[in-house]
ModelCIF file with pLDDT and N, C-alpha, C, O atoms, coordinates in Angstrom:
data_MODEL
#
_entry.id   MODEL 
#
_entity.id                         1 
_entity.type                       polymer 
_entity.pdbx_number_of_molecules   1 
#
_entity_poly.entity_id                      1 
_entity_poly.type                           'polypeptide(L)' 
_entity_poly.nstd_linkage                   no 
_entity_poly.nstd_monomer                   no 
_entity_poly.pdbx_seq_one_letter_code       TAKAVLGWHRTHRFCSVCGQQSVVAQAGWQRVCPSCGAQHFPRTDP 
_entity_poly.pdbx_seq_one_letter_code_can   TAKAVLGWHRTHRFCSVCGQQSVVAQAGWQRVCPSCGAQHFPRTDP 
_entity_poly.pdbx_strand_id                 A 
#
loop_
_entity_poly_seq.entity_id 
_entity_poly_seq.num 
_entity_poly_seq.mon_id 
_entity_poly_seq.hetero 
1 1  THR n 
1 2  ALA n 
1 3  LYS n 
1 4  ALA n 
1 5  VAL n 
1 6  LEU n 
1 7  GLY n 
1 8  TRP n 
1 9  HIS n 
1 10 ARG n 
1 11 THR n 
1 12 HIS n 
1 13 ARG n 
1 14 PHE n 
1 15 CYS n 
1 16 SER n 
1 17 VAL n 
1 18 CYS n 
1 19 GLY n 
1 20 GLN n 
1 21 GLN n 
1 22 SER n 
1 23 VAL n 
1 24 VAL n 
1 25 ALA n 
1 26 GLN n 
1 27 ALA n 
1 28 GLY n 
1 29 TRP n 
1 30 GLN n 
1 31 ARG n 
1 32 VAL n 
1 33 CYS n 
1 34 PRO n 
1 35 SER n 
1 36 CYS n 
1 37 GLY n 
1 38 ALA n 
1 39 GLN n 
1 40 HIS n 
1 41 PHE n 
1 42 PRO n 
1 43 ARG n 
1 44 THR n 
1 45 ASP n 
1 46 PRO n 
#
_struct_asym.id          A 
_struct_asym.entity_id   1 
#
loop_
_ma_qa_metric.id 
_ma_qa_metric.mode 
_ma_qa_metric.name 
_ma_qa_metric.software_group_id 
_ma_qa_metric.type 
1 global pLDDT . pLDDT 
2 local  pLDDT . pLDDT 
#
_ma_qa_metric_global.metric_id      1 
_ma_qa_metric_global.metric_value   96.85 
_ma_qa_metric_global.model_id       1 
_ma_qa_metric_global.ordinal_id     1 
#
loop_
_ma_qa_metric_local.label_asym_id 
_ma_qa_metric_local.label_comp_id 
_ma_qa_metric_local.label_seq_id 
_ma_qa_metric_local.metric_id 
_ma_qa_metric_local.metric_value 
_ma_qa_metric_local.model_id 
_ma_qa_metric_local.ordinal_id 
A THR 1  2 97.00 1 1  
A ALA 2  2 97.00 1 2  
A LYS 3  2 97.00 1 3  
A ALA 4  2 97.00 1 4  
A VAL 5  2 98.00 1 5  
A LEU 6  2 97.00 1 6  
A GLY 7  2 96.00 1 7  
A TRP 8  2 97.00 1 8  
A HIS 9  2 97.00 1 9  
A ARG 10 2 94.00 1 10 
A THR 11 2 94.00 1 11 
A HIS 12 2 96.00 1 12 
A ARG 13 2 96.00 1 13 
A PHE 14 2 98.00 1 14 
A CYS 15 2 97.00 1 15 
A SER 16 2 96.00 1 16 
A VAL 17 2 97.00 1 17 
A CYS 18 2 97.00 1 18 
A GLY 19 2 97.00 1 19 
A GLN 20 2 97.00 1 20 
A GLN 21 2 97.00 1 21 
A SER 22 2 98.00 1 22 
A VAL 23 2 97.00 1 23 
A VAL 24 2 97.00 1 24 
A ALA 25 2 97.00 1 25 
A GLN 26 2 97.00 1 26 
A ALA 27 2 97.00 1 27 
A GLY 28 2 97.00 1 28 
A TRP 29 2 98.00 1 29 
A GLN 30 2 98.00 1 30 
A ARG 31 2 98.00 1 31 
A VAL 32 2 98.00 1 32 
A CYS 33 2 98.00 1 33 
A PRO 34 2 97.00 1 34 
A SER 35 2 97.00 1 35 
A CYS 36 2 97.00 1 36 
A GLY 37 2 97.00 1 37 
A ALA 38 2 98.00 1 38 
A GLN 39 2 98.00 1 39 
A HIS 40 2 98.00 1 40 
A PHE 41 2 97.00 1 41 
A PRO 42 2 96.00 1 42 
A ARG 43 2 92.00 1 43 
A THR 44 2 95.00 1 44 
A ASP 45 2 96.00 1 45 
A PRO 46 2 98.00 1 46 
#
loop_
_atom_site.group_PDB 
_atom_site.id 
_atom_site.type_symbol 
_atom_site.label_atom_id 
_atom_site.label_alt_id 
_atom_site.label_comp_id 
_atom_site.label_asym_id 
_atom_site.label_entity_id 
_atom_site.label_seq_id 
_atom_site.pdbx_PDB_ins_code 
_atom_site.Cartn_x 
_atom_site.Cartn_y 
_atom_site.Cartn_z 
_atom_site.occupancy 
_atom_site.B_iso_or_equiv 
_atom_site.pdbx_formal_charge 
_atom_site.auth_seq_id 
_atom_site.auth_comp_id 
_atom_site.auth_asym_id 
_atom_site.auth_atom_id 
_atom_site.pdbx_PDB_model_num 
ATOM 1   N N  . THR A 1 1  ? 44.022 76.283 151.063 1.00 97.00 ? 1  THR A N  1 
ATOM 2   C CA . THR A 1 1  ? 44.529 74.720 150.956 1.00 97.00 ? 1  THR A CA 1 
ATOM 3   C C  . THR A 1 1  ? 46.232 75.110 150.480 1.00 97.00 ? 1  THR A C  1 
ATOM 4   O O  . THR A 1 1  ? 47.122 74.446 151.014 1.00 97.00 ? 1  THR A O  1 
ATOM 5   N N  . ALA A 1 2  ? 46.460 75.771 149.868 1.00 97.00 ? 2  ALA A N  1 
ATOM 6   C CA . ALA A 1 2  ? 47.732 76.296 149.149 1.00 97.00 ? 2  ALA A CA 1 
ATOM 7   C C  . ALA A 1 2  ? 48.710 76.666 149.982 1.00 97.00 ? 2  ALA A C  1 
ATOM 8   O O  . ALA A 1 2  ? 49.824 76.181 150.179 1.00 97.00 ? 2  ALA A O  1 
ATOM 9   N N  . LYS A 1 3  ? 48.052 77.762 150.537 1.00 97.00 ? 3  LYS A N  1 
ATOM 10  C CA . LYS A 1 3  ? 49.146 78.496 152.235 1.00 97.00 ? 3  LYS A CA 1 
ATOM 11  C C  . LYS A 1 3  ? 49.394 77.138 152.827 1.00 97.00 ? 3  LYS A C  1 
ATOM 12  O O  . LYS A 1 3  ? 50.459 76.553 152.631 1.00 97.00 ? 3  LYS A O  1 
ATOM 13  N N  . ALA A 1 4  ? 48.259 76.546 153.670 1.00 97.00 ? 4  ALA A N  1 
ATOM 14  C CA . ALA A 1 4  ? 48.630 75.489 154.586 1.00 97.00 ? 4  ALA A CA 1 
ATOM 15  C C  . ALA A 1 4  ? 49.582 74.473 154.123 1.00 97.00 ? 4  ALA A C  1 
ATOM 16  O O  . ALA A 1 4  ? 50.676 74.498 154.687 1.00 97.00 ? 4  ALA A O  1 
ATOM 17  N N  . VAL A 1 5  ? 49.381 73.498 153.127 1.00 98.00 ? 5  VAL A N  1 
ATOM 18  C CA . VAL A 1 5  ? 50.159 72.678 152.279 1.00 98.00 ? 5  VAL A CA 1 
ATOM 19  C C  . VAL A 1 5  ? 51.735 73.175 152.274 1.00 98.00 ? 5  VAL A C  1 
ATOM 20  O O  . VAL A 1 5  ? 52.534 72.515 152.939 1.00 98.00 ? 5  VAL A O  1 
ATOM 21  N N  . LEU A 1 6  ? 52.159 74.238 151.595 1.00 97.00 ? 6  LEU A N  1 
ATOM 22  C CA . LEU A 1 6  ? 53.038 74.604 151.051 1.00 97.00 ? 6  LEU A CA 1 
ATOM 23  C C  . LEU A 1 6  ? 53.797 75.083 152.452 1.00 97.00 ? 6  LEU A C  1 
ATOM 24  O O  . LEU A 1 6  ? 54.978 74.765 152.599 1.00 97.00 ? 6  LEU A O  1 
ATOM 25  N N  . GLY A 1 7  ? 53.073 75.895 153.540 1.00 96.00 ? 7  GLY A N  1 
ATOM 26  C CA . GLY A 1 7  ? 53.777 76.089 154.496 1.00 96.00 ? 7  GLY A CA 1 
ATOM 27  C C  . GLY A 1 7  ? 54.495 75.106 155.313 1.00 96.00 ? 7  GLY A C  1 
ATOM 28  O O  . GLY A 1 7  ? 55.554 75.225 155.928 1.00 96.00 ? 7  GLY A O  1 
ATOM 29  N N  . TRP A 1 8  ? 53.569 73.949 155.170 1.00 97.00 ? 8  TRP A N  1 
ATOM 30  C CA . TRP A 1 8  ? 54.014 72.609 156.060 1.00 97.00 ? 8  TRP A CA 1 
ATOM 31  C C  . TRP A 1 8  ? 55.351 71.941 155.383 1.00 97.00 ? 8  TRP A C  1 
ATOM 32  O O  . TRP A 1 8  ? 56.186 71.287 156.008 1.00 97.00 ? 8  TRP A O  1 
ATOM 33  N N  . HIS A 1 9  ? 55.384 72.208 154.113 1.00 97.00 ? 9  HIS A N  1 
ATOM 34  C CA . HIS A 1 9  ? 56.734 71.544 153.288 1.00 97.00 ? 9  HIS A CA 1 
ATOM 35  C C  . HIS A 1 9  ? 58.032 72.553 153.850 1.00 97.00 ? 9  HIS A C  1 
ATOM 36  O O  . HIS A 1 9  ? 59.148 72.078 154.060 1.00 97.00 ? 9  HIS A O  1 
ATOM 37  N N  . ARG A 1 10 ? 57.736 73.896 154.043 1.00 94.00 ? 10 ARG A N  1 
ATOM 38  C CA . ARG A 1 10 ? 58.719 74.617 154.316 1.00 94.00 ? 10 ARG A CA 1 
ATOM 39  C C  . ARG A 1 10 ? 59.312 74.037 155.761 1.00 94.00 ? 10 ARG A C  1 
ATOM 40  O O  . ARG A 1 10 ? 60.484 73.692 155.916 1.00 94.00 ? 10 ARG A O  1 
ATOM 41  N N  . THR A 1 11 ? 58.428 74.002 156.642 1.00 94.00 ? 11 THR A N  1 
ATOM 42  C CA . THR A 1 11 ? 58.882 73.640 158.058 1.00 94.00 ? 11 THR A CA 1 
ATOM 43  C C  . THR A 1 11 ? 59.114 72.322 158.358 1.00 94.00 ? 11 THR A C  1 
ATOM 44  O O  . THR A 1 11 ? 59.775 72.103 159.374 1.00 94.00 ? 11 THR A O  1 
ATOM 45  N N  . HIS A 1 12 ? 58.595 71.091 157.496 1.00 96.00 ? 12 HIS A N  1 
ATOM 46  C CA . HIS A 1 12 ? 58.675 69.838 157.742 1.00 96.00 ? 12 HIS A CA 1 
ATOM 47  C C  . HIS A 1 12 ? 59.721 69.225 156.677 1.00 96.00 ? 12 HIS A C  1 
ATOM 48  O O  . HIS A 1 12 ? 59.216 68.388 155.928 1.00 96.00 ? 12 HIS A O  1 
ATOM 49  N N  . ARG A 1 13 ? 61.063 69.492 156.484 1.00 96.00 ? 13 ARG A N  1 
ATOM 50  C CA . ARG A 1 13 ? 61.744 68.998 155.168 1.00 96.00 ? 13 ARG A CA 1 
ATOM 51  C C  . ARG A 1 13 ? 62.410 67.751 155.786 1.00 96.00 ? 13 ARG A C  1 
ATOM 52  O O  . ARG A 1 13 ? 62.635 66.852 154.976 1.00 96.00 ? 13 ARG A O  1 
ATOM 53  N N  . PHE A 1 14 ? 62.762 67.528 157.039 1.00 98.00 ? 14 PHE A N  1 
ATOM 54  C CA . PHE A 1 14 ? 63.278 66.375 157.471 1.00 98.00 ? 14 PHE A CA 1 
ATOM 55  C C  . PHE A 1 14 ? 62.521 65.501 158.396 1.00 98.00 ? 14 PHE A C  1 
ATOM 56  O O  . PHE A 1 14 ? 61.673 65.934 159.177 1.00 98.00 ? 14 PHE A O  1 
ATOM 57  N N  . CYS A 1 15 ? 62.853 64.268 158.284 1.00 97.00 ? 15 CYS A N  1 
ATOM 58  C CA . CYS A 1 15 ? 61.940 62.977 158.765 1.00 97.00 ? 15 CYS A CA 1 
ATOM 59  C C  . CYS A 1 15 ? 62.247 63.305 160.411 1.00 97.00 ? 15 CYS A C  1 
ATOM 60  O O  . CYS A 1 15 ? 63.319 63.556 160.961 1.00 97.00 ? 15 CYS A O  1 
ATOM 61  N N  . SER A 1 16 ? 60.981 63.208 160.927 1.00 96.00 ? 16 SER A N  1 
ATOM 62  C CA . SER A 1 16 ? 60.984 63.093 162.447 1.00 96.00 ? 16 SER A CA 1 
ATOM 63  C C  . SER A 1 16 ? 61.330 61.610 163.277 1.00 96.00 ? 16 SER A C  1 
ATOM 64  O O  . SER A 1 16 ? 61.337 61.360 164.483 1.00 96.00 ? 16 SER A O  1 
ATOM 65  N N  . VAL A 1 17 ? 61.586 60.835 162.190 1.00 97.00 ? 17 VAL A N  1 
ATOM 66  C CA . VAL A 1 17 ? 61.884 59.297 162.559 1.00 97.00 ? 17 VAL A CA 1 
ATOM 67  C C  . VAL A 1 17 ? 63.591 59.468 162.892 1.00 97.00 ? 17 VAL A C  1 
ATOM 68  O O  . VAL A 1 17 ? 64.104 59.249 163.990 1.00 97.00 ? 17 VAL A O  1 
ATOM 69  N N  . CYS A 1 18 ? 64.352 59.940 161.583 1.00 97.00 ? 18 CYS A N  1 
ATOM 70  C CA . CYS A 1 18 ? 65.409 59.330 161.667 1.00 97.00 ? 18 CYS A CA 1 
ATOM 71  C C  . CYS A 1 18 ? 66.227 60.569 161.355 1.00 97.00 ? 18 CYS A C  1 
ATOM 72  O O  . CYS A 1 18 ? 67.440 60.381 161.440 1.00 97.00 ? 18 CYS A O  1 
ATOM 73  N N  . GLY A 1 19 ? 65.807 61.914 160.980 1.00 97.00 ? 19 GLY A N  1 
ATOM 74  C CA . GLY A 1 19 ? 66.398 63.038 160.966 1.00 97.00 ? 19 GLY A CA 1 
ATOM 75  C C  . GLY A 1 19 ? 67.047 63.497 159.462 1.00 97.00 ? 19 GLY A C  1 
ATOM 76  O O  . GLY A 1 19 ? 67.610 64.561 159.202 1.00 97.00 ? 19 GLY A O  1 
ATOM 77  N N  . GLN A 1 20 ? 66.804 62.432 158.621 1.00 97.00 ? 20 GLN A N  1 
ATOM 78  C CA . GLN A 1 20 ? 67.220 62.685 157.282 1.00 97.00 ? 20 GLN A CA 1 
ATOM 79  C C  . GLN A 1 20 ? 66.261 63.805 156.753 1.00 97.00 ? 20 GLN A C  1 
ATOM 80  O O  . GLN A 1 20 ? 65.302 64.398 157.246 1.00 97.00 ? 20 GLN A O  1 
ATOM 81  N N  . GLN A 1 21 ? 66.944 63.855 155.490 1.00 97.00 ? 21 GLN A N  1 
ATOM 82  C CA . GLN A 1 21 ? 65.849 64.931 154.663 1.00 97.00 ? 21 GLN A CA 1 
ATOM 83  C C  . GLN A 1 21 ? 64.803 64.407 153.679 1.00 97.00 ? 21 GLN A C  1 
ATOM 84  O O  . GLN A 1 21 ? 65.242 63.816 152.693 1.00 97.00 ? 21 GLN A O  1 
ATOM 85  N N  . SER A 1 22 ? 63.605 64.529 153.798 1.00 98.00 ? 22 SER A N  1 
ATOM 86  C CA . SER A 1 22 ? 62.532 63.973 153.156 1.00 98.00 ? 22 SER A CA 1 
ATOM 87  C C  . SER A 1 22 ? 62.374 64.025 151.632 1.00 98.00 ? 22 SER A C  1 
ATOM 88  O O  . SER A 1 22 ? 63.227 64.781 151.168 1.00 98.00 ? 22 SER A O  1 
ATOM 89  N N  . VAL A 1 23 ? 61.734 63.592 150.866 1.00 97.00 ? 23 VAL A N  1 
ATOM 90  C CA . VAL A 1 23 ? 61.182 64.341 149.519 1.00 97.00 ? 23 VAL A CA 1 
ATOM 91  C C  . VAL A 1 23 ? 59.755 64.182 149.197 1.00 97.00 ? 23 VAL A C  1 
ATOM 92  O O  . VAL A 1 23 ? 59.071 63.224 149.557 1.00 97.00 ? 23 VAL A O  1 
ATOM 93  N N  . VAL A 1 24 ? 59.330 65.225 148.466 1.00 97.00 ? 24 VAL A N  1 
ATOM 94  C CA . VAL A 1 24 ? 57.941 65.174 148.260 1.00 97.00 ? 24 VAL A CA 1 
ATOM 95  C C  . VAL A 1 24 ? 57.425 64.125 147.213 1.00 97.00 ? 24 VAL A C  1 
ATOM 96  O O  . VAL A 1 24 ? 57.965 63.826 146.148 1.00 97.00 ? 24 VAL A O  1 
ATOM 97  N N  . ALA A 1 25 ? 56.320 63.656 147.719 1.00 97.00 ? 25 ALA A N  1 
ATOM 98  C CA . ALA A 1 25 ? 55.538 62.643 147.210 1.00 97.00 ? 25 ALA A CA 1 
ATOM 99  C C  . ALA A 1 25 ? 53.970 62.922 146.879 1.00 97.00 ? 25 ALA A C  1 
ATOM 100 O O  . ALA A 1 25 ? 53.444 63.894 147.422 1.00 97.00 ? 25 ALA A O  1 
ATOM 101 N N  . GLN A 1 26 ? 53.360 62.264 146.180 1.00 97.00 ? 26 GLN A N  1 
ATOM 102 C CA . GLN A 1 26 ? 51.668 62.114 146.008 1.00 97.00 ? 26 GLN A CA 1 
ATOM 103 C C  . GLN A 1 26 ? 51.391 63.733 145.695 1.00 97.00 ? 26 GLN A C  1 
ATOM 104 O O  . GLN A 1 26 ? 50.619 64.370 146.411 1.00 97.00 ? 26 GLN A O  1 
ATOM 105 N N  . ALA A 1 27 ? 52.079 64.338 144.578 1.00 97.00 ? 27 ALA A N  1 
ATOM 106 C CA . ALA A 1 27 ? 51.740 65.646 144.265 1.00 97.00 ? 27 ALA A CA 1 
ATOM 107 C C  . ALA A 1 27 ? 51.683 66.510 145.141 1.00 97.00 ? 27 ALA A C  1 
ATOM 108 O O  . ALA A 1 27 ? 50.857 67.422 145.095 1.00 97.00 ? 27 ALA A O  1 
ATOM 109 N N  . GLY A 1 28 ? 52.868 66.323 146.436 1.00 97.00 ? 28 GLY A N  1 
ATOM 110 C CA . GLY A 1 28 ? 52.539 67.425 147.270 1.00 97.00 ? 28 GLY A CA 1 
ATOM 111 C C  . GLY A 1 28 ? 52.066 67.081 148.674 1.00 97.00 ? 28 GLY A C  1 
ATOM 112 O O  . GLY A 1 28 ? 52.354 67.707 149.694 1.00 97.00 ? 28 GLY A O  1 
ATOM 113 N N  . TRP A 1 29 ? 51.289 65.986 148.582 1.00 98.00 ? 29 TRP A N  1 
ATOM 114 C CA . TRP A 1 29 ? 50.648 65.825 149.680 1.00 98.00 ? 29 TRP A CA 1 
ATOM 115 C C  . TRP A 1 29 ? 51.018 64.596 150.678 1.00 98.00 ? 29 TRP A C  1 
ATOM 116 O O  . TRP A 1 29 ? 50.207 63.885 151.272 1.00 98.00 ? 29 TRP A O  1 
ATOM 117 N N  . GLN A 1 30 ? 52.817 64.494 150.733 1.00 98.00 ? 30 GLN A N  1 
ATOM 118 C CA . GLN A 1 30 ? 53.172 63.702 151.465 1.00 98.00 ? 30 GLN A CA 1 
ATOM 119 C C  . GLN A 1 30 ? 54.816 63.769 151.273 1.00 98.00 ? 30 GLN A C  1 
ATOM 120 O O  . GLN A 1 30 ? 55.305 63.857 150.147 1.00 98.00 ? 30 GLN A O  1 
ATOM 121 N N  . ARG A 1 31 ? 55.473 63.729 152.246 1.00 98.00 ? 31 ARG A N  1 
ATOM 122 C CA . ARG A 1 31 ? 56.520 63.459 152.179 1.00 98.00 ? 31 ARG A CA 1 
ATOM 123 C C  . ARG A 1 31 ? 57.133 62.274 152.721 1.00 98.00 ? 31 ARG A C  1 
ATOM 124 O O  . ARG A 1 31 ? 56.721 61.892 153.817 1.00 98.00 ? 31 ARG A O  1 
ATOM 125 N N  . VAL A 1 32 ? 58.206 61.512 152.042 1.00 98.00 ? 32 VAL A N  1 
ATOM 126 C CA . VAL A 1 32 ? 58.652 60.183 152.354 1.00 98.00 ? 32 VAL A CA 1 
ATOM 127 C C  . VAL A 1 32 ? 60.247 60.229 152.558 1.00 98.00 ? 32 VAL A C  1 
ATOM 128 O O  . VAL A 1 32 ? 60.945 60.721 151.671 1.00 98.00 ? 32 VAL A O  1 
ATOM 129 N N  . CYS A 1 33 ? 60.738 59.782 153.574 1.00 98.00 ? 33 CYS A N  1 
ATOM 130 C CA . CYS A 1 33 ? 61.952 59.750 153.816 1.00 98.00 ? 33 CYS A CA 1 
ATOM 131 C C  . CYS A 1 33 ? 62.729 58.562 153.010 1.00 98.00 ? 33 CYS A C  1 
ATOM 132 O O  . CYS A 1 33 ? 62.522 57.372 153.248 1.00 98.00 ? 33 CYS A O  1 
ATOM 133 N N  . PRO A 1 34 ? 63.589 59.003 152.093 1.00 97.00 ? 34 PRO A N  1 
ATOM 134 C CA . PRO A 1 34 ? 64.449 57.827 151.660 1.00 97.00 ? 34 PRO A CA 1 
ATOM 135 C C  . PRO A 1 34 ? 65.323 56.897 152.434 1.00 97.00 ? 34 PRO A C  1 
ATOM 136 O O  . PRO A 1 34 ? 65.641 55.788 152.004 1.00 97.00 ? 34 PRO A O  1 
ATOM 137 N N  . SER A 1 35 ? 65.695 57.367 153.562 1.00 97.00 ? 35 SER A N  1 
ATOM 138 C CA . SER A 1 35 ? 66.103 56.661 154.286 1.00 97.00 ? 35 SER A CA 1 
ATOM 139 C C  . SER A 1 35 ? 65.906 55.515 155.156 1.00 97.00 ? 35 SER A C  1 
ATOM 140 O O  . SER A 1 35 ? 66.639 54.526 155.119 1.00 97.00 ? 35 SER A O  1 
ATOM 141 N N  . CYS A 1 36 ? 65.022 55.633 155.855 1.00 97.00 ? 36 CYS A N  1 
ATOM 142 C CA . CYS A 1 36 ? 63.938 54.898 156.648 1.00 97.00 ? 36 CYS A CA 1 
ATOM 143 C C  . CYS A 1 36 ? 62.472 54.503 156.136 1.00 97.00 ? 36 CYS A C  1 
ATOM 144 O O  . CYS A 1 36 ? 61.635 53.859 156.769 1.00 97.00 ? 36 CYS A O  1 
ATOM 145 N N  . GLY A 1 37 ? 62.365 54.969 155.006 1.00 97.00 ? 37 GLY A N  1 
ATOM 146 C CA . GLY A 1 37 ? 60.942 55.038 154.619 1.00 97.00 ? 37 GLY A CA 1 
ATOM 147 C C  . GLY A 1 37 ? 59.552 55.557 155.077 1.00 97.00 ? 37 GLY A C  1 
ATOM 148 O O  . GLY A 1 37 ? 58.451 55.380 154.555 1.00 97.00 ? 37 GLY A O  1 
ATOM 149 N N  . ALA A 1 38 ? 59.915 56.270 156.235 1.00 98.00 ? 38 ALA A N  1 
ATOM 150 C CA . ALA A 1 38 ? 58.884 56.836 157.051 1.00 98.00 ? 38 ALA A CA 1 
ATOM 151 C C  . ALA A 1 38 ? 57.735 57.664 156.321 1.00 98.00 ? 38 ALA A C  1 
ATOM 152 O O  . ALA A 1 38 ? 58.375 58.187 155.409 1.00 98.00 ? 38 ALA A O  1 
ATOM 153 N N  . GLN A 1 39 ? 56.483 58.073 156.188 1.00 98.00 ? 39 GLN A N  1 
ATOM 154 C CA . GLN A 1 39 ? 55.904 58.782 155.656 1.00 98.00 ? 39 GLN A CA 1 
ATOM 155 C C  . GLN A 1 39 ? 55.225 59.805 156.434 1.00 98.00 ? 39 GLN A C  1 
ATOM 156 O O  . GLN A 1 39 ? 54.638 59.613 157.499 1.00 98.00 ? 39 GLN A O  1 
ATOM 157 N N  . HIS A 1 40 ? 55.367 61.040 155.742 1.00 98.00 ? 40 HIS A N  1 
ATOM 158 C CA . HIS A 1 40 ? 55.053 62.214 156.708 1.00 98.00 ? 40 HIS A CA 1 
ATOM 159 C C  . HIS A 1 40 ? 53.726 63.175 156.008 1.00 98.00 ? 40 HIS A C  1 
ATOM 160 O O  . HIS A 1 40 ? 53.877 63.784 154.949 1.00 98.00 ? 40 HIS A O  1 
ATOM 161 N N  . PHE A 1 41 ? 52.556 63.185 156.719 1.00 97.00 ? 41 PHE A N  1 
ATOM 162 C CA . PHE A 1 41 ? 51.625 63.789 155.864 1.00 97.00 ? 41 PHE A CA 1 
ATOM 163 C C  . PHE A 1 41 ? 51.243 65.524 156.505 1.00 97.00 ? 41 PHE A C  1 
ATOM 164 O O  . PHE A 1 41 ? 51.456 65.816 157.681 1.00 97.00 ? 41 PHE A O  1 
ATOM 165 N N  . PRO A 1 42 ? 50.763 66.351 155.662 1.00 96.00 ? 42 PRO A N  1 
ATOM 166 C CA . PRO A 1 42 ? 50.466 67.837 155.994 1.00 96.00 ? 42 PRO A CA 1 
ATOM 167 C C  . PRO A 1 42 ? 49.597 67.722 157.238 1.00 96.00 ? 42 PRO A C  1 
ATOM 168 O O  . PRO A 1 42 ? 48.657 66.931 157.307 1.00 96.00 ? 42 PRO A O  1 
ATOM 169 N N  . ARG A 1 43 ? 49.899 68.420 158.066 1.00 92.00 ? 43 ARG A N  1 
ATOM 170 C CA . ARG A 1 43 ? 49.385 68.432 159.865 1.00 92.00 ? 43 ARG A CA 1 
ATOM 171 C C  . ARG A 1 43 ? 48.382 69.469 159.492 1.00 92.00 ? 43 ARG A C  1 
ATOM 172 O O  . ARG A 1 43 ? 48.456 70.381 158.669 1.00 92.00 ? 43 ARG A O  1 
ATOM 173 N N  . THR A 1 44 ? 47.200 69.021 160.491 1.00 95.00 ? 44 THR A N  1 
ATOM 174 C CA . THR A 1 44 ? 46.213 70.243 160.839 1.00 95.00 ? 44 THR A CA 1 
ATOM 175 C C  . THR A 1 44 ? 45.928 70.288 162.309 1.00 95.00 ? 44 THR A C  1 
ATOM 176 O O  . THR A 1 44 ? 45.464 69.225 162.719 1.00 95.00 ? 44 THR A O  1 
ATOM 177 N N  . ASP A 1 45 ? 46.063 71.143 163.145 1.00 96.00 ? 45 ASP A N  1 
ATOM 178 C CA . ASP A 1 45 ? 46.108 71.511 164.641 1.00 96.00 ? 45 ASP A CA 1 
ATOM 179 C C  . ASP A 1 45 ? 44.902 71.648 164.607 1.00 96.00 ? 45 ASP A C  1 
ATOM 180 O O  . ASP A 1 45 ? 44.382 72.156 163.614 1.00 96.00 ? 45 ASP A O  1 
ATOM 181 N N  . PRO A 1 46 ? 44.231 71.274 165.568 1.00 98.00 ? 46 PRO A N  1 
ATOM 182 C CA . PRO A 1 46 ? 42.458 71.402 165.836 1.00 98.00 ? 46 PRO A CA 1 
ATOM 183 C C  . PRO A 1 46 ? 42.858 72.446 167.087 1.00 98.00 ? 46 PRO A C  1 
ATOM 184 O O  . PRO A 1 46 ? 41.971 72.959 167.770 1.00 98.00 ? 46 PRO A O  1 
#
């Protein structure tokens, strides 16, 4: 769990909607864009 979520933070620092740098939220389980408000969650690839 730790390796996957921390790895996601390292590679998903910028908002995929507007390109601005996002910030950590929800104790590390979310990133939020302060510019457009988009919420981003750790990804799991099936």
